[in-house]
Each structure stands twice: as structure tokens, then as C-alpha cells.
Amino acid sequence: MEEKIRNIRKSFNNEIEKVLDNISLEEIRIKYFGKKSEVSDIQSNLKTLSDDEKKSIGALLNELKLEIGNRLNELKSKFDEELLNSKLNEDKIDVSLPGTSISDGSIHPISKVIDEVESLFVSMGYDVVDGPEVEEDRFNFEYLNIPKGHPTRDAQDSFFINEEWLLRTQTSPVQARVMQSKEEKGPIKIICPGKVYRKDNDDATHSHQFTQIEGLVIGENISMSDLKGTLEVFAKSMFGKTREIRFRPSYFPFTEPSIEVDVSCFNCDKKGCPICKNTGWIEILGAGMVHPNVLNMSGYDSNKYNGFAFGMGAERIAMLKYGIPDVRMFYTNDIRFVKQFNRIEGEFK
């Protein structure tokens, strides 16, 4: 076996000189340290030797294994370092070259409007609340003074899931939910931003999905003048300190009296232009005093409590504020459109 060990050492030394990379090095390792190698064969046959032979042959075999192992490890480290240096040279970066610019966007204009409206009303003591987009018929219609068979239901042309559930057509159900959730009926000041759905044909001014922001104030001795003062602060904050508002009679089932609210044109200052259709005024939202039926159905005593409500479309406010001609542009996911709104806020201040 001593002769066999010497031959293995000689054979290894001859072959290791021809190794040039990790692949051939691994082949050598398997040849001399694999399960079917001559070294493994000697190791297996040690048990057949006498005790004295085991000691001498075992010592020679361990010396051979250590010698081969060290040589393999040295070459492995050498080849790994050469490979690393080669990759570093290939991937070398010229730090003097200009950097690659990363295209960024901006906060979406609808999000800007919602954030601005929320900040304004929170500063006036309002809470921001939301509710489910899949709503019950009773909250979406009945608790808002719109019973089954009411013509307003047809006008809104809703997405019904079944007879009792639908995609909400307005955020007013949130107001009904908040009113009914209060065990001790007391004052309320909330705004409710969120998505709503109606079967409109999509065009430049209509979308089957849009964003509403509604407000509700319930208390004692609330008057129409409180509503006007609130909306005047809103109009001046959104469109400029010189803006004026006017009320026009309208009809909503859940408010009485009901009004449409116009703001003086921020482009022509009431002189008349294409934006305001030469009227000097632009419609921005609907509002009114909360109908006594709505209060009573939610457990409020309409003889003691009253209030006002208002609702606006965030897309319409954004279109007016930023001069956007087509509501469909909000939903194109075109970063070129969104990047325009990186400019400084306050165009109408």
C-alpha cells in the first residue's frame, strides 16, 4: 500500500500542474477524493491490516490527504480571486460619466384636491370618515329619503349587485351610517371622500367611476348662513381669496331647501369667458339643509336638531383648479400628465 500511496502522490502532482480553472480542479478533486477514488479504496482496506500496518499506512494516507487537500484549496482560492478580478474589470464603472436620471411623477391631481379639502375642513373642526363602496340599498337610498320607486333612483342609474346591494352612487351613505352609529345623538361635523359609481357613458365630463367629497354638519340652530359661510371659506381656499359664491334653488331628496352653488369665474372675474360659458359663474357643488325625514330616520329629533350637507366631485374641482379639459385624463396612468402637477401650488391665490 505504501507503493500505491507514492504512485497516487506522483500522479496527483503531475495532473495538478495541468489544472487551469475551477472546472478541471473539481474533476481532480473528485478523482482523488471521490467515493470511488484510490484514496477511498485504501481507507476502506485499512481494516484488513494488522495494527502496526494500520498505524504506518494510516499515517502515510493522512499525510497524502492533507497534502492533496491543501494543494486543492490553494488553487481554489487562486482561481476564485482571478475570476473576481476578471468580473471587476469587466464591470468597471466610469464614475466620471453623468448619472442616469430616474423619471419621477407627482401626487395625482385628484389626491391633491382631496388632501387640500381634508386639510381645510380638519382645520375647521371636521372629522374625515369613510365607508364601504359596496353598500346596502337602505343606506344608499332609503335612509336618505329616497324610498323604493322614487324617480331619483332611475336618474342615478345604479350598479346593482342584487336587490339589496349595489355599488354606492354617492358618499352620502357614510353620513347616514355615522348618524345612526351615534348612540347619544349629538353634534356631527364630518367630510366623506371616496369613490362612487354610476352608469354614465364615459366622455370628457362624465365617468362611470368618480370621486365625491361630501360634508355634513348636525347641531342645534344651524342655519343656511352657516352653510354659506362654510362654502365661502372653501371657495376662497381652493380658487382664490377674491372668489365669490352664489346660491341657486335646486332639488335633492335628502335636503330641504336644496341649492346649487356657483363660484365666480377665476379666469375672467365674472366678465365672461369660455370657461364659465360667458356667465361669469361656474357651478362647483350641490348643498342644502338636511331634510327632517333624514334626521328622523337616523334617530335625531328634527324639532331639536338640524344641519346642512354639501357634496362635490373631486374631479370637477381638479379640472377647474388645474385647467384639465377631459375627465378621462385622470385615469390614463400617463406619467407625462401627472408630472405637470409638480409645479408650485397656489395658481389662483
Foldseek 3Di string as FASTA:
>chain_A
DVVVLVVVLVVLVVVLVPDDAPVVLVVSCCQCPNCPHPLVVVVVCLVVDDPVCNVVVVVSSVVSVVVSVVSSVVVHVVRVVVVVVVVCVVPPDDPVDDDDDDDDFAPFLLVVLVVLVVVVLVVVVAAEDEDDQWDFPCLLAVLLQHDPPRVVVVVQAFAAPDPTIGGRAARSSVVLVVLLVDPPRAWHWYKYKDKGAGPDDFWQPDDRIFIKIKIKIKHFPDDVVNVLVVVLVVCCSLFHVPKDKDWDFDDDSFAPGKTWMKIFQLVPRQCADVVCNGRRIDTFWIKHKGDCSSCVSSPHHSVGMIIMMIMGTSLVSSCRRVVPRGSCVSPPPDRVVRRVPPDDPDPRD
